Amino acid sequence: MSINLTQRMSNWISKLGIHIATATKNGFPTVIVVNSSKVNGDLIIASLKPSQIKRIENNILENPYVAAAPGQLGAVRAPYQFKGLAKLKDSNLEITVEEVYCTKPGAEAGIRLDTLGYEDMKNYDEIRWQDDPPSDI
């Protein structure tokens, strides 16, 4: 089942890009940093450079399940990890988000947020954070 992200999550992904982790079918990991990304409903769409496609293309073919997290300052101010199925479409990687986790240090680390339902996940965001993404960096 796919998951729509909150506006705050979407804003961070759009402003700061994302880190994408892929793995071979044997579990050998590769992580790329993508500067240009956006959210459309339950999809994270990352614009890839040819060199990035080359690094992850075989992994996606062998194992389309990926993890992604906001880039740059997002690791601290937007502590989320998104997991789902990915497919390459032209020069984009489209990730259908199926799971959302909190990666904030402390007692909340590892909480699976998507099981709360959209409204409660949104409330979780609003209670803990009073900001949107930073202005242009």
Protein backbone atom coordinates (compact mmCIF):
# COMPACT_ATOMS: atom_id res chain seq x y z
CA MET A 1 0.00 0.00 0.00
CA SER A 2 1.41 3.39 -0.94
CA ILE A 3 1.64 6.31 1.49
CA ASN A 4 1.11 10.01 0.84
CA LEU A 5 3.69 12.19 2.57
CA THR A 6 2.89 15.20 4.71
CA GLN A 7 3.45 18.67 3.28
CA ARG A 8 6.43 19.15 5.61
CA MET A 9 8.06 15.93 4.41
CA SER A 10 7.41 16.91 0.80
CA ASN A 11 8.86 20.39 1.34
CA TRP A 12 12.10 19.03 2.81
CA ILE A 13 12.56 16.59 -0.05
CA SER A 14 11.91 19.30 -2.64
CA LYS A 15 14.21 21.85 -0.99
CA LEU A 16 17.18 19.69 0.01
CA GLY A 17 17.16 16.64 -2.20
CA ILE A 18 17.55 13.11 -0.89
CA HIS A 19 19.96 10.30 -0.20
CA ILE A 20 18.89 7.07 -1.88
CA ALA A 21 20.08 3.66 -0.72
CA THR A 22 19.87 0.69 -3.06
CA ALA A 23 21.20 -2.83 -2.72
CA THR A 24 22.01 -5.77 -4.93
CA LYS A 25 19.96 -8.94 -4.50
CA ASN A 26 22.82 -10.14 -2.25
CA GLY A 27 22.55 -7.03 -0.06
CA PHE A 28 25.60 -5.04 -1.21
CA PRO A 29 24.58 -1.39 -0.65
CA THR A 30 25.05 1.74 -2.74
CA VAL A 31 24.00 5.23 -1.67
CA ILE A 32 23.68 8.22 -3.97
CA VAL A 33 22.99 11.86 -3.14
CA VAL A 34 20.41 13.52 -5.37
CA ASN A 35 20.12 17.31 -5.38
CA SER A 36 16.88 17.59 -7.34
CA SER A 37 13.80 15.77 -6.11
CA LYS A 38 10.10 16.32 -5.57
CA VAL A 39 7.02 14.58 -4.24
CA ASN A 40 3.87 13.85 -6.22
CA GLY A 41 1.29 12.10 -4.02
CA ASP A 42 2.85 8.80 -2.97
CA LEU A 43 5.83 9.18 -5.33
CA ILE A 44 9.24 10.61 -4.61
CA ILE A 45 10.71 11.60 -7.96
CA ALA A 46 14.48 12.06 -8.05
CA SER A 47 16.19 13.58 -11.10
CA LEU A 48 19.33 11.56 -11.73
CA LYS A 49 22.51 12.32 -13.62
CA PRO A 50 23.76 9.67 -16.06
CA SER A 51 26.56 8.72 -13.64
CA GLN A 52 24.01 8.15 -10.86
CA ILE A 53 21.84 5.99 -13.10
CA LYS A 54 24.88 3.90 -13.97
CA ARG A 55 25.69 3.39 -10.25
CA ILE A 56 22.23 2.13 -9.26
CA GLU A 57 20.65 0.75 -12.44
CA ASN A 58 21.67 -2.88 -11.87
CA ASN A 59 20.68 -2.70 -8.21
CA ILE A 60 17.19 -1.47 -9.12
CA LEU A 61 16.80 -4.25 -11.69
CA GLU A 62 17.89 -6.90 -9.14
CA ASN A 63 16.20 -5.41 -6.08
CA PRO A 64 13.75 -2.53 -6.61
CA TYR A 65 13.19 -1.95 -2.88
CA VAL A 66 15.02 1.23 -1.76
CA ALA A 67 15.34 3.59 1.19
CA ALA A 68 15.52 7.38 0.94
CA ALA A 69 16.03 10.23 3.41
CA PRO A 70 16.12 14.03 3.13
CA GLY A 71 19.54 15.39 2.23
CA GLN A 72 21.77 18.08 3.67
CA LEU A 73 20.30 19.52 6.90
CA GLY A 74 17.29 17.26 6.49
CA ALA A 75 19.09 14.51 8.35
CA VAL A 76 18.70 16.59 11.52
CA ARG A 77 15.63 18.77 10.96
CA ALA A 78 13.60 16.30 8.89
CA PRO A 79 14.45 12.94 10.46
CA TYR A 80 12.59 10.61 8.14
CA GLN A 81 13.37 7.49 6.20
CA PHE A 82 11.11 6.46 3.34
CA LYS A 83 11.05 2.92 1.94
CA GLY A 84 9.38 1.59 -1.15
CA LEU A 85 9.60 0.22 -4.65
CA ALA A 86 11.60 2.17 -7.21
CA LYS A 87 11.73 2.21 -10.96
CA LEU A 88 13.85 4.13 -13.42
CA LYS A 89 11.84 6.21 -15.86
CA ASP A 90 13.98 8.19 -18.30
CA SER A 91 16.40 10.19 -16.13
CA ASN A 92 14.22 9.94 -13.01
CA LEU A 93 13.97 7.42 -10.22
CA GLU A 94 10.38 7.09 -9.04
CA ILE A 95 9.92 5.69 -5.55
CA THR A 96 6.45 4.59 -4.48
CA VAL A 97 6.55 5.23 -0.73
CA GLU A 98 5.27 2.25 1.28
CA GLU A 99 6.81 2.91 4.71
CA VAL A 100 7.84 6.02 6.65
CA TYR A 101 10.10 5.89 9.72
CA CYS A 102 11.27 8.48 12.23
CA THR A 103 15.07 8.68 12.48
CA LYS A 104 15.14 11.33 15.19
CA PRO A 105 17.68 10.33 17.87
CA GLY A 106 16.27 9.12 21.17
CA ALA A 107 13.08 7.34 22.13
CA GLU A 108 11.35 8.15 18.83
CA ALA A 109 14.03 6.58 16.64
CA GLY A 110 12.63 3.79 14.54
CA ILE A 111 8.94 4.59 15.01
CA ARG A 112 7.02 3.59 11.91
CA LEU A 113 4.97 6.70 11.18
CA ASP A 114 2.83 5.48 8.28
CA THR A 115 1.03 3.01 10.57
CA LEU A 116 -0.44 6.04 12.37
CA GLY A 117 -2.50 6.96 9.31
CA TYR A 118 -2.11 10.17 7.34
CA GLU A 119 -3.83 12.57 9.77
CA ASP A 120 -1.97 11.25 12.83
CA MET A 121 1.32 11.26 10.90
CA LYS A 122 0.61 14.90 9.98
CA ASN A 123 -0.22 15.71 13.63
CA TYR A 124 3.00 13.98 14.72
CA ASP A 125 4.91 16.34 12.42
CA GLU A 126 3.04 19.44 13.56
CA ILE A 127 3.50 18.73 17.28
CA ARG A 128 7.26 18.15 17.00
CA TRP A 129 8.21 20.78 14.42
CA GLN A 130 7.13 24.36 13.96
CA ASP A 131 8.97 24.97 10.69
CA ASP A 132 8.83 24.28 7.00
CA PRO A 133 12.05 23.68 5.14
CA PRO A 134 14.71 26.35 5.33
CA SER A 135 14.72 29.15 2.82
CA ASP A 136 17.01 28.67 -0.15
CA ILE A 137 20.44 27.60 1.03
